[in-house]
Amino acid sequence: MTEPVISFAAVSRCYNGQAVLNAVDWQVAPGQHWVVLGPNGSGKSTLLQIAALRLHPSSGRVTVLDHALGEIDVRGLRRRVGLSSASLAQDLRATLSAAEVVMTALFGALEPWWDSYSAADRTRAQDLLAQLGCGGLAERSFGTLSSGERQRVLLARTLMTDPDLLLLDEPTAGLALGGREELVATLAALAKAPETPPMVLVTHHVEEIPPGFTHGLLLRQGQVVSQGVLGQVLTEEHLGRCFGLDVSLSEKAGRWTAQVRGTA
């Protein structure tokens, strides 16, 4: 039996005595691409930060890439986990070129000042940008890019270290419709590529789920509402319980749409 890429067993995380995650059991197997959905405060980002080896649980057992959190030095393991979030764009110097932003992943840094990059590194960065449809942006300053272009550059950055796991924390946050659709299409293409490692995407909206994602996890107030194969998890009943709303849900060609009943 193939070992899971991520395994949570009765994982809880508390802040100031309040449980943000509460006894979560969850596993991601090789070849799976997960979407994590839930309202604000449901524990989505906390779950992802634990999976990314940036946070420790208050209780429970976490295993990532066959290593138990708390039993190893996570610094080396973090290089095998690609983590991207919309908020990262705010931490990067605007005058860096897109290619430099991508290459900073090699040393887990936000600046290239103290690191040297080889010609092979620069070629790989340019190839990744081209793969994600933004090869022409390699020498452009990061600060001059649109929000959608920045998120694709950050996605290329997560791929720079050839990770064994991709974690994406609300990458479409703040994007206009065009930028969102470009990023969803990029993620759909990645999901179809056999060489892409397992992905976990955190979002608030079913409309942002790319075709090709296979599984879903619904959270509410730190607890699991439903999890499993995406088509079985995304039902009107489960989504309504997750968001505390009476919703209608439809799917067409791998894209999902939800609407609160009575608002049409």
C-alpha atoms as a PDB file:
ATOM      1  CA  MET A   1       0.000   0.000   0.000  1.00  0.00           C
ATOM      2  CA  THR A   2       1.315   3.459  -0.963  1.00  0.00           C
ATOM      3  CA  GLU A   3       1.863   5.741   2.004  1.00  0.00           C
ATOM      4  CA  PRO A   4      -0.188   8.967   2.086  1.00  0.00           C
ATOM      5  CA  VAL A   5       1.555  12.217   1.198  1.00  0.00           C
ATOM      6  CA  ILE A   6      -0.226  13.963   4.084  1.00  0.00           C
ATOM      7  CA  SER A   7      -1.765  12.270   7.099  1.00  0.00           C
ATOM      8  CA  PHE A   8      -3.613  14.023   9.938  1.00  0.00           C
ATOM      9  CA  ALA A   9      -4.754  11.872  12.878  1.00  0.00           C
ATOM     10  CA  ALA A  10      -6.988  13.626  15.444  1.00  0.00           C
ATOM     11  CA  VAL A  11      -5.209  16.925  14.767  1.00  0.00           C
ATOM     12  CA  SER A  12      -6.248  19.972  16.775  1.00  0.00           C
ATOM     13  CA  ARG A  13      -4.807  23.466  16.929  1.00  0.00           C
ATOM     14  CA  CYS A  14      -5.772  25.951  19.633  1.00  0.00           C
ATOM     15  CA  TYR A  15      -5.255  29.688  20.020  1.00  0.00           C
ATOM     16  CA  ASN A  16      -5.972  31.310  23.373  1.00  0.00           C
ATOM     17  CA  GLY A  17      -7.891  28.242  24.456  1.00  0.00           C
ATOM     18  CA  GLN A  18     -10.074  28.191  21.331  1.00  0.00           C
ATOM     19  CA  ALA A  19      -9.859  25.258  18.920  1.00  0.00           C
ATOM     20  CA  VAL A  20      -9.253  26.470  15.361  1.00  0.00           C
ATOM     21  CA  LEU A  21      -8.943  22.845  14.229  1.00  0.00           C
ATOM     22  CA  ASN A  22     -10.724  20.163  16.208  1.00  0.00           C
ATOM     23  CA  ALA A  23      -9.712  16.477  15.943  1.00  0.00           C
ATOM     24  CA  VAL A  24      -9.282  16.474  12.168  1.00  0.00           C
ATOM     25  CA  ASP A  25      -8.549  13.167  10.428  1.00  0.00           C
ATOM     26  CA  TRP A  26      -7.430  13.599   6.810  1.00  0.00           C
ATOM     27  CA  GLN A  27      -5.215  11.866   4.278  1.00  0.00           C
ATOM     28  CA  VAL A  28      -3.914  12.867   0.853  1.00  0.00           C
ATOM     29  CA  ALA A  29      -2.712  10.004  -1.330  1.00  0.00           C
ATOM     30  CA  PRO A  30      -0.316  10.184  -4.296  1.00  0.00           C
ATOM     31  CA  GLY A  31      -2.096  11.244  -7.472  1.00  0.00           C
ATOM     32  CA  GLN A  32      -4.836  13.144  -5.653  1.00  0.00           C
ATOM     33  CA  HIS A  33      -5.584  16.861  -5.937  1.00  0.00           C
ATOM     34  CA  TRP A  34      -7.652  18.291  -3.081  1.00  0.00           C
ATOM     35  CA  VAL A  35      -9.690  21.445  -2.624  1.00  0.00           C
ATOM     36  CA  VAL A  36     -10.326  22.653   0.941  1.00  0.00           C
ATOM     37  CA  LEU A  37     -13.472  24.754   1.289  1.00  0.00           C
ATOM     38  CA  GLY A  38     -15.056  26.610   4.173  1.00  0.00           C
ATOM     39  CA  PRO A  39     -16.114  30.040   5.426  1.00  0.00           C
ATOM     40  CA  ASN A  40     -13.803  32.494   7.154  1.00  0.00           C
ATOM     41  CA  GLY A  41     -12.561  31.110  10.456  1.00  0.00           C
ATOM     42  CA  SER A  42     -13.164  27.496   9.515  1.00  0.00           C
ATOM     43  CA  GLY A  43      -9.500  26.513   9.942  1.00  0.00           C
ATOM     44  CA  LYS A  44      -8.555  26.156   6.269  1.00  0.00           C
ATOM     45  CA  SER A  45      -5.358  28.203   6.359  1.00  0.00           C
ATOM     46  CA  THR A  46      -4.324  26.733   9.714  1.00  0.00           C
ATOM     47  CA  LEU A  47      -4.681  23.241   8.272  1.00  0.00           C
ATOM     48  CA  LEU A  48      -2.542  24.238   5.286  1.00  0.00           C
ATOM     49  CA  GLN A  49       0.141  25.850   7.457  1.00  0.00           C
ATOM     50  CA  ILE A  50       0.416  22.634   9.483  1.00  0.00           C
ATOM     51  CA  ALA A  51       0.661  20.578   6.282  1.00  0.00           C
ATOM     52  CA  ALA A  52       3.350  23.010   5.082  1.00  0.00           C
ATOM     53  CA  LEU A  53       5.373  22.368   8.266  1.00  0.00           C
ATOM     54  CA  ARG A  54       5.001  26.001   9.359  1.00  0.00           C
ATOM     55  CA  LEU A  55       2.831  25.262  12.404  1.00  0.00           C
ATOM     56  CA  HIS A  56       2.708  22.455  14.941  1.00  0.00           C
ATOM     57  CA  PRO A  57      -0.612  21.012  16.076  1.00  0.00           C
ATOM     58  CA  SER A  58      -1.678  21.386  19.686  1.00  0.00           C
ATOM     59  CA  SER A  59      -2.499  17.680  19.677  1.00  0.00           C
ATOM     60  CA  GLY A  60      -2.688  14.779  17.257  1.00  0.00           C
ATOM     61  CA  ARG A  61      -0.191  13.323  14.797  1.00  0.00           C
ATOM     62  CA  VAL A  62       0.864  14.802  11.452  1.00  0.00           C
ATOM     63  CA  THR A  63       2.892  12.966   8.832  1.00  0.00           C
ATOM     64  CA  VAL A  64       4.094  14.718   5.669  1.00  0.00           C
ATOM     65  CA  LEU A  65       6.042  12.881   2.974  1.00  0.00           C
ATOM     66  CA  ASP A  66       6.633   9.900   5.297  1.00  0.00           C
ATOM     67  CA  HIS A  67       8.016  12.072   8.127  1.00  0.00           C
ATOM     68  CA  ALA A  68       6.229  12.750  11.417  1.00  0.00           C
ATOM     69  CA  LEU A  69       6.062  16.379  12.486  1.00  0.00           C
ATOM     70  CA  GLY A  70       7.892  16.815  15.788  1.00  0.00           C
ATOM     71  CA  GLU A  71      10.261  13.929  15.146  1.00  0.00           C
ATOM     72  CA  ILE A  72      12.473  15.487  12.455  1.00  0.00           C
ATOM     73  CA  ASP A  73      14.217  18.732  11.539  1.00  0.00           C
ATOM     74  CA  VAL A  74      11.644  20.231   9.180  1.00  0.00           C
ATOM     75  CA  ARG A  75      14.018  22.669   7.454  1.00  0.00           C
ATOM     76  CA  GLY A  76      15.165  20.172   4.848  1.00  0.00           C
ATOM     77  CA  LEU A  77      11.703  18.706   4.403  1.00  0.00           C
ATOM     78  CA  ARG A  78      10.203  22.118   3.685  1.00  0.00           C
ATOM     79  CA  ARG A  79      12.181  22.233   0.432  1.00  0.00           C
ATOM     80  CA  ARG A  80      10.067  19.306  -0.774  1.00  0.00           C
ATOM     81  CA  VAL A  81       6.834  21.212  -0.115  1.00  0.00           C
ATOM     82  CA  GLY A  82       5.849  24.020  -2.478  1.00  0.00           C
ATOM     83  CA  LEU A  83       3.752  26.638  -0.667  1.00  0.00           C
ATOM     84  CA  SER A  84       2.139  29.630  -2.341  1.00  0.00           C
ATOM     85  CA  SER A  85      -0.340  32.199  -1.100  1.00  0.00           C
ATOM     86  CA  ALA A  86      -1.785  35.447  -2.367  1.00  0.00           C
ATOM     87  CA  SER A  87      -0.280  37.243   0.623  1.00  0.00           C
ATOM     88  CA  LEU A  88       3.273  36.312  -0.428  1.00  0.00           C
ATOM     89  CA  ALA A  89       3.098  38.851  -3.257  1.00  0.00           C
ATOM     90  CA  GLN A  90       3.078  41.646  -0.668  1.00  0.00           C
ATOM     91  CA  ASP A  91       6.341  40.435   0.880  1.00  0.00           C
ATOM     92  CA  LEU A  92       8.415  40.481  -2.308  1.00  0.00           C
ATOM     93  CA  ARG A  93      10.368  43.518  -3.473  1.00  0.00           C
ATOM     94  CA  ALA A  94       8.580  45.113  -6.411  1.00  0.00           C
ATOM     95  CA  THR A  95      11.814  45.712  -8.365  1.00  0.00           C
ATOM     96  CA  LEU A  96      12.749  42.016  -8.528  1.00  0.00           C
ATOM     97  CA  SER A  97      12.318  40.509 -11.971  1.00  0.00           C
ATOM     98  CA  ALA A  98       9.788  37.710 -12.362  1.00  0.00           C
ATOM     99  CA  ALA A  99      12.654  35.261 -12.955  1.00  0.00           C
ATOM    100  CA  GLU A 100      14.389  36.411  -9.750  1.00  0.00           C
ATOM    101  CA  VAL A 101      11.171  35.879  -7.787  1.00  0.00           C
ATOM    102  CA  VAL A 102      10.981  32.320  -9.090  1.00  0.00           C
ATOM    103  CA  MET A 103      14.628  31.603  -8.253  1.00  0.00           C
ATOM    104  CA  THR A 104      14.362  32.828  -4.646  1.00  0.00           C
ATOM    105  CA  ALA A 105      12.543  29.562  -3.885  1.00  0.00           C
ATOM    106  CA  LEU A 106      15.829  27.669  -4.219  1.00  0.00           C
ATOM    107  CA  PHE A 107      17.059  29.073  -0.913  1.00  0.00           C
ATOM    108  CA  GLY A 108      13.683  29.659   0.726  1.00  0.00           C
ATOM    109  CA  ALA A 109      14.330  33.402   0.669  1.00  0.00           C
ATOM    110  CA  LEU A 110      12.461  36.533  -0.343  1.00  0.00           C
ATOM    111  CA  GLU A 111      15.588  38.271  -1.644  1.00  0.00           C
ATOM    112  CA  PRO A 112      18.406  37.085  -3.935  1.00  0.00           C
ATOM    113  CA  TRP A 113      21.049  39.348  -2.360  1.00  0.00           C
ATOM    114  CA  TRP A 114      23.114  36.690  -0.585  1.00  0.00           C
ATOM    115  CA  ASP A 115      22.568  33.805  -2.983  1.00  0.00           C
ATOM    116  CA  SER A 116      24.077  33.016  -6.354  1.00  0.00           C
ATOM    117  CA  TYR A 117      22.163  31.376  -9.165  1.00  0.00           C
ATOM    118  CA  SER A 118      23.600  29.324 -11.988  1.00  0.00           C
ATOM    119  CA  ALA A 119      22.758  29.549 -15.658  1.00  0.00           C
ATOM    120  CA  ALA A 120      20.829  26.296 -15.208  1.00  0.00           C
ATOM    121  CA  ASP A 121      18.771  27.917 -12.426  1.00  0.00           C
ATOM    122  CA  ARG A 122      17.892  30.840 -14.674  1.00  0.00           C
ATOM    123  CA  THR A 123      16.972  28.508 -17.533  1.00  0.00           C
ATOM    124  CA  ARG A 124      14.695  26.463 -15.259  1.00  0.00           C
ATOM    125  CA  ALA A 125      12.993  29.615 -13.961  1.00  0.00           C
ATOM    126  CA  GLN A 126      12.365  30.806 -17.502  1.00  0.00           C
ATOM    127  CA  ASP A 127      11.090  27.367 -18.551  1.00  0.00           C
ATOM    128  CA  LEU A 128       8.642  27.264 -15.623  1.00  0.00           C
ATOM    129  CA  LEU A 129       7.347  30.730 -16.456  1.00  0.00           C
ATOM    130  CA  ALA A 130       6.853  29.632 -20.064  1.00  0.00           C
ATOM    131  CA  GLN A 131       5.080  26.462 -18.922  1.00  0.00           C
ATOM    132  CA  LEU A 132       2.597  28.601 -16.994  1.00  0.00           C
ATOM    133  CA  GLY A 133       1.961  30.946 -19.898  1.00  0.00           C
ATOM    134  CA  CYS A 134       4.058  33.883 -18.741  1.00  0.00           C
ATOM    135  CA  GLY A 135       7.432  33.288 -20.370  1.00  0.00           C
ATOM    136  CA  GLY A 136       7.454  36.832 -21.728  1.00  0.00           C
ATOM    137  CA  LEU A 137       7.409  38.221 -18.200  1.00  0.00           C
ATOM    138  CA  ALA A 138      10.784  36.825 -17.075  1.00  0.00           C
ATOM    139  CA  GLU A 139      12.612  40.166 -17.104  1.00  0.00           C
ATOM    140  CA  ARG A 140       9.642  42.307 -16.104  1.00  0.00           C
ATOM    141  CA  SER A 141       9.667  43.852 -12.632  1.00  0.00           C
ATOM    142  CA  PHE A 142       7.353  41.970 -10.300  1.00  0.00           C
ATOM    143  CA  GLY A 143       5.691  45.192  -9.209  1.00  0.00           C
ATOM    144  CA  THR A 144       4.598  46.026 -12.770  1.00  0.00           C
ATOM    145  CA  LEU A 145       2.669  42.769 -13.232  1.00  0.00           C
ATOM    146  CA  SER A 146      -1.074  42.397 -12.939  1.00  0.00           C
ATOM    147  CA  SER A 147      -2.460  40.490  -9.958  1.00  0.00           C
ATOM    148  CA  GLY A 148      -3.138  37.450 -12.135  1.00  0.00           C
ATOM    149  CA  GLU A 149       0.363  37.524 -13.611  1.00  0.00           C
ATOM    150  CA  ARG A 150       1.884  37.770 -10.136  1.00  0.00           C
ATOM    151  CA  GLN A 151       0.017  34.681  -8.970  1.00  0.00           C
ATOM    152  CA  ARG A 152       1.240  32.670 -11.956  1.00  0.00           C
ATOM    153  CA  VAL A 153       4.799  33.810 -11.222  1.00  0.00           C
ATOM    154  CA  LEU A 154       4.352  32.700  -7.597  1.00  0.00           C
ATOM    155  CA  LEU A 155       3.023  29.365  -8.821  1.00  0.00           C
ATOM    156  CA  ALA A 156       6.177  28.968 -10.914  1.00  0.00           C
ATOM    157  CA  ARG A 157       8.138  29.764  -7.751  1.00  0.00           C
ATOM    158  CA  THR A 158       6.488  26.861  -5.910  1.00  0.00           C
ATOM    159  CA  LEU A 159       7.591  24.526  -8.725  1.00  0.00           C
ATOM    160  CA  MET A 160      11.213  25.741  -8.797  1.00  0.00           C
ATOM    161  CA  THR A 161      12.457  23.209  -6.229  1.00  0.00           C
ATOM    162  CA  ASP A 162      10.665  20.312  -7.977  1.00  0.00           C
ATOM    163  CA  PRO A 163       8.495  19.704  -4.880  1.00  0.00           C
ATOM    164  CA  ASP A 164       6.751  16.478  -3.935  1.00  0.00           C
ATOM    165  CA  LEU A 165       3.682  18.385  -2.706  1.00  0.00           C
ATOM    166  CA  LEU A 166       2.023  21.672  -3.743  1.00  0.00           C
ATOM    167  CA  LEU A 167       0.012  23.713  -1.218  1.00  0.00           C
ATOM    168  CA  LEU A 168      -1.913  26.727  -2.520  1.00  0.00           C
ATOM    169  CA  ASP A 169      -3.499  29.086   0.007  1.00  0.00           C
ATOM    170  CA  GLU A 170      -6.222  31.147  -1.684  1.00  0.00           C
ATOM    171  CA  PRO A 171      -4.125  31.992  -4.768  1.00  0.00           C
ATOM    172  CA  THR A 172      -7.105  33.655  -6.476  1.00  0.00           C
ATOM    173  CA  ALA A 173      -7.796  36.067  -3.590  1.00  0.00           C
ATOM    174  CA  GLY A 174      -8.156  39.609  -4.856  1.00  0.00           C
ATOM    175  CA  LEU A 175      -8.039  38.668  -8.540  1.00  0.00           C
ATOM    176  CA  ALA A 176     -10.394  40.185 -11.089  1.00  0.00           C
ATOM    177  CA  LEU A 177     -12.481  37.774 -13.152  1.00  0.00           C
ATOM    178  CA  GLY A 178      -9.973  37.572 -16.003  1.00  0.00           C
ATOM    179  CA  GLY A 179      -7.022  36.913 -13.698  1.00  0.00           C
ATOM    180  CA  ARG A 180      -8.996  34.341 -11.743  1.00  0.00           C
ATOM    181  CA  GLU A 181      -9.980  32.436 -14.872  1.00  0.00           C
ATOM    182  CA  GLU A 182      -6.400  32.462 -16.169  1.00  0.00           C
ATOM    183  CA  LEU A 183      -5.149  31.013 -12.885  1.00  0.00           C
ATOM    184  CA  VAL A 184      -7.925  28.403 -12.728  1.00  0.00           C
ATOM    185  CA  ALA A 185      -7.015  27.320 -16.278  1.00  0.00           C
ATOM    186  CA  THR A 186      -3.333  27.109 -15.288  1.00  0.00           C
ATOM    187  CA  LEU A 187      -4.163  24.931 -12.267  1.00  0.00           C
ATOM    188  CA  ALA A 188      -6.414  22.736 -14.412  1.00  0.00           C
ATOM    189  CA  ALA A 189      -3.532  22.170 -16.831  1.00  0.00           C
ATOM    190  CA  LEU A 190      -1.248  21.268 -13.918  1.00  0.00           C
ATOM    191  CA  ALA A 191      -3.851  18.827 -12.574  1.00  0.00           C
ATOM    192  CA  LYS A 192      -3.913  17.050 -15.939  1.00  0.00           C
ATOM    193  CA  ALA A 193      -0.118  16.721 -16.180  1.00  0.00           C
ATOM    194  CA  PRO A 194       1.014  13.316 -14.859  1.00  0.00           C
ATOM    195  CA  GLU A 195       4.259  14.749 -13.479  1.00  0.00           C
ATOM    196  CA  THR A 196       2.447  17.231 -11.203  1.00  0.00           C
ATOM    197  CA  PRO A 197       2.714  16.280  -7.524  1.00  0.00           C
ATOM    198  CA  PRO A 198      -0.378  16.136  -5.294  1.00  0.00           C
ATOM    199  CA  MET A 199      -1.946  19.564  -4.834  1.00  0.00           C
ATOM    200  CA  VAL A 200      -4.038  21.047  -2.025  1.00  0.00           C
ATOM    201  CA  LEU A 201      -5.945  24.231  -2.881  1.00  0.00           C
ATOM    202  CA  VAL A 202      -7.634  26.359  -0.206  1.00  0.00           C
ATOM    203  CA  THR A 203     -10.505  28.583  -1.352  1.00  0.00           C
ATOM    204  CA  HIS A 204     -13.834  30.049  -0.268  1.00  0.00           C
ATOM    205  CA  HIS A 205     -15.592  29.572  -3.602  1.00  0.00           C
ATOM    206  CA  VAL A 206     -16.627  26.497  -5.586  1.00  0.00           C
ATOM    207  CA  GLU A 207     -16.300  28.608  -8.744  1.00  0.00           C
ATOM    208  CA  GLU A 208     -12.530  28.593  -8.202  1.00  0.00           C
ATOM    209  CA  ILE A 209     -12.169  24.797  -8.230  1.00  0.00           C
ATOM    210  CA  PRO A 210     -10.167  23.844 -11.333  1.00  0.00           C
ATOM    211  CA  PRO A 211     -11.251  20.892 -13.477  1.00  0.00           C
ATOM    212  CA  GLY A 212      -9.096  17.882 -12.697  1.00  0.00           C
ATOM    213  CA  PHE A 213      -9.158  18.263  -8.925  1.00  0.00           C
ATOM    214  CA  THR A 214     -10.204  14.930  -7.494  1.00  0.00           C
ATOM    215  CA  HIS A 215     -11.098  15.298  -3.814  1.00  0.00           C
ATOM    216  CA  GLY A 216     -12.654  17.770  -1.416  1.00  0.00           C
ATOM    217  CA  LEU A 217     -12.536  18.631   2.284  1.00  0.00           C
ATOM    218  CA  LEU A 218     -15.249  20.861   3.790  1.00  0.00           C
ATOM    219  CA  LEU A 219     -14.518  22.579   7.121  1.00  0.00           C
ATOM    220  CA  ARG A 220     -16.747  24.531   9.479  1.00  0.00           C
ATOM    221  CA  GLN A 221     -15.555  25.925  12.814  1.00  0.00           C
ATOM    222  CA  GLY A 222     -12.500  23.685  12.710  1.00  0.00           C
ATOM    223  CA  GLN A 223     -14.416  20.452  12.154  1.00  0.00           C
ATOM    224  CA  VAL A 224     -14.822  18.276   9.086  1.00  0.00           C
ATOM    225  CA  VAL A 225     -18.254  18.524   7.476  1.00  0.00           C
ATOM    226  CA  SER A 226     -17.438  16.122   4.641  1.00  0.00           C
ATOM    227  CA  GLN A 227     -14.415  14.756   2.800  1.00  0.00           C
ATOM    228  CA  GLY A 228     -13.662  12.364  -0.024  1.00  0.00           C
ATOM    229  CA  VAL A 229     -14.153  12.164  -3.788  1.00  0.00           C
ATOM    230  CA  LEU A 230     -15.089  15.645  -5.010  1.00  0.00           C
ATOM    231  CA  GLY A 231     -18.341  14.699  -6.729  1.00  0.00           C
ATOM    232  CA  GLN A 232     -19.580  13.003  -3.562  1.00  0.00           C
ATOM    233  CA  VAL A 233     -18.476  15.796  -1.227  1.00  0.00           C
ATOM    234  CA  LEU A 234     -19.844  18.717  -3.241  1.00  0.00           C
ATOM    235  CA  THR A 235     -23.567  18.356  -2.693  1.00  0.00           C
ATOM    236  CA  GLU A 236     -26.130  20.992  -1.807  1.00  0.00           C
ATOM    237  CA  GLU A 237     -26.605  19.381   1.598  1.00  0.00           C
ATOM    238  CA  HIS A 238     -22.897  19.300   2.458  1.00  0.00           C
ATOM    239  CA  LEU A 239     -22.204  22.790   1.106  1.00  0.00           C
ATOM    240  CA  GLY A 240     -25.213  24.199   2.937  1.00  0.00           C
ATOM    241  CA  ARG A 241     -24.030  22.699   6.229  1.00  0.00           C
ATOM    242  CA  CYS A 242     -20.517  23.986   5.614  1.00  0.00           C
ATOM    243  CA  PHE A 243     -21.535  27.610   4.992  1.00  0.00           C
ATOM    244  CA  GLY A 244     -24.752  27.677   7.018  1.00  0.00           C
ATOM    245  CA  LEU A 245     -26.790  28.636   3.946  1.00  0.00           C
ATOM    246  CA  ASP A 246     -29.516  27.211   1.726  1.00  0.00           C
ATOM    247  CA  VAL A 247     -27.623  26.829  -1.545  1.00  0.00           C
ATOM    248  CA  SER A 248     -28.212  25.519  -5.011  1.00  0.00           C
ATOM    249  CA  LEU A 249     -25.240  23.860  -6.693  1.00  0.00           C
ATOM    250  CA  SER A 250     -24.546  22.982 -10.303  1.00  0.00           C
ATOM    251  CA  GLU A 251     -21.639  21.546 -12.292  1.00  0.00           C
ATOM    252  CA  LYS A 252     -20.854  21.822 -15.991  1.00  0.00           C
ATOM    253  CA  ALA A 253     -17.704  20.600 -17.748  1.00  0.00           C
ATOM    254  CA  GLY A 254     -15.828  20.318 -14.473  1.00  0.00           C
ATOM    255  CA  ARG A 255     -16.717  23.825 -13.245  1.00  0.00           C
ATOM    256  CA  TRP A 256     -18.964  24.400 -10.236  1.00  0.00           C
ATOM    257  CA  THR A 257     -21.413  27.181  -9.436  1.00  0.00           C
ATOM    258  CA  ALA A 258     -23.201  27.835  -6.139  1.00  0.00           C
ATOM    259  CA  GLN A 259     -25.937  30.315  -5.356  1.00  0.00           C
ATOM    260  CA  VAL A 260     -27.912  31.113  -2.230  1.00  0.00           C
ATOM    261  CA  ARG A 261     -31.545  30.271  -2.856  1.00  0.00           C
ATOM    262  CA  GLY A 262     -33.860  33.250  -3.034  1.00  0.00           C
ATOM    263  CA  THR A 263     -31.186  35.670  -4.256  1.00  0.00           C
ATOM    264  CA  ALA A 264     -31.688  35.261  -8.018  1.00  0.00           C
END
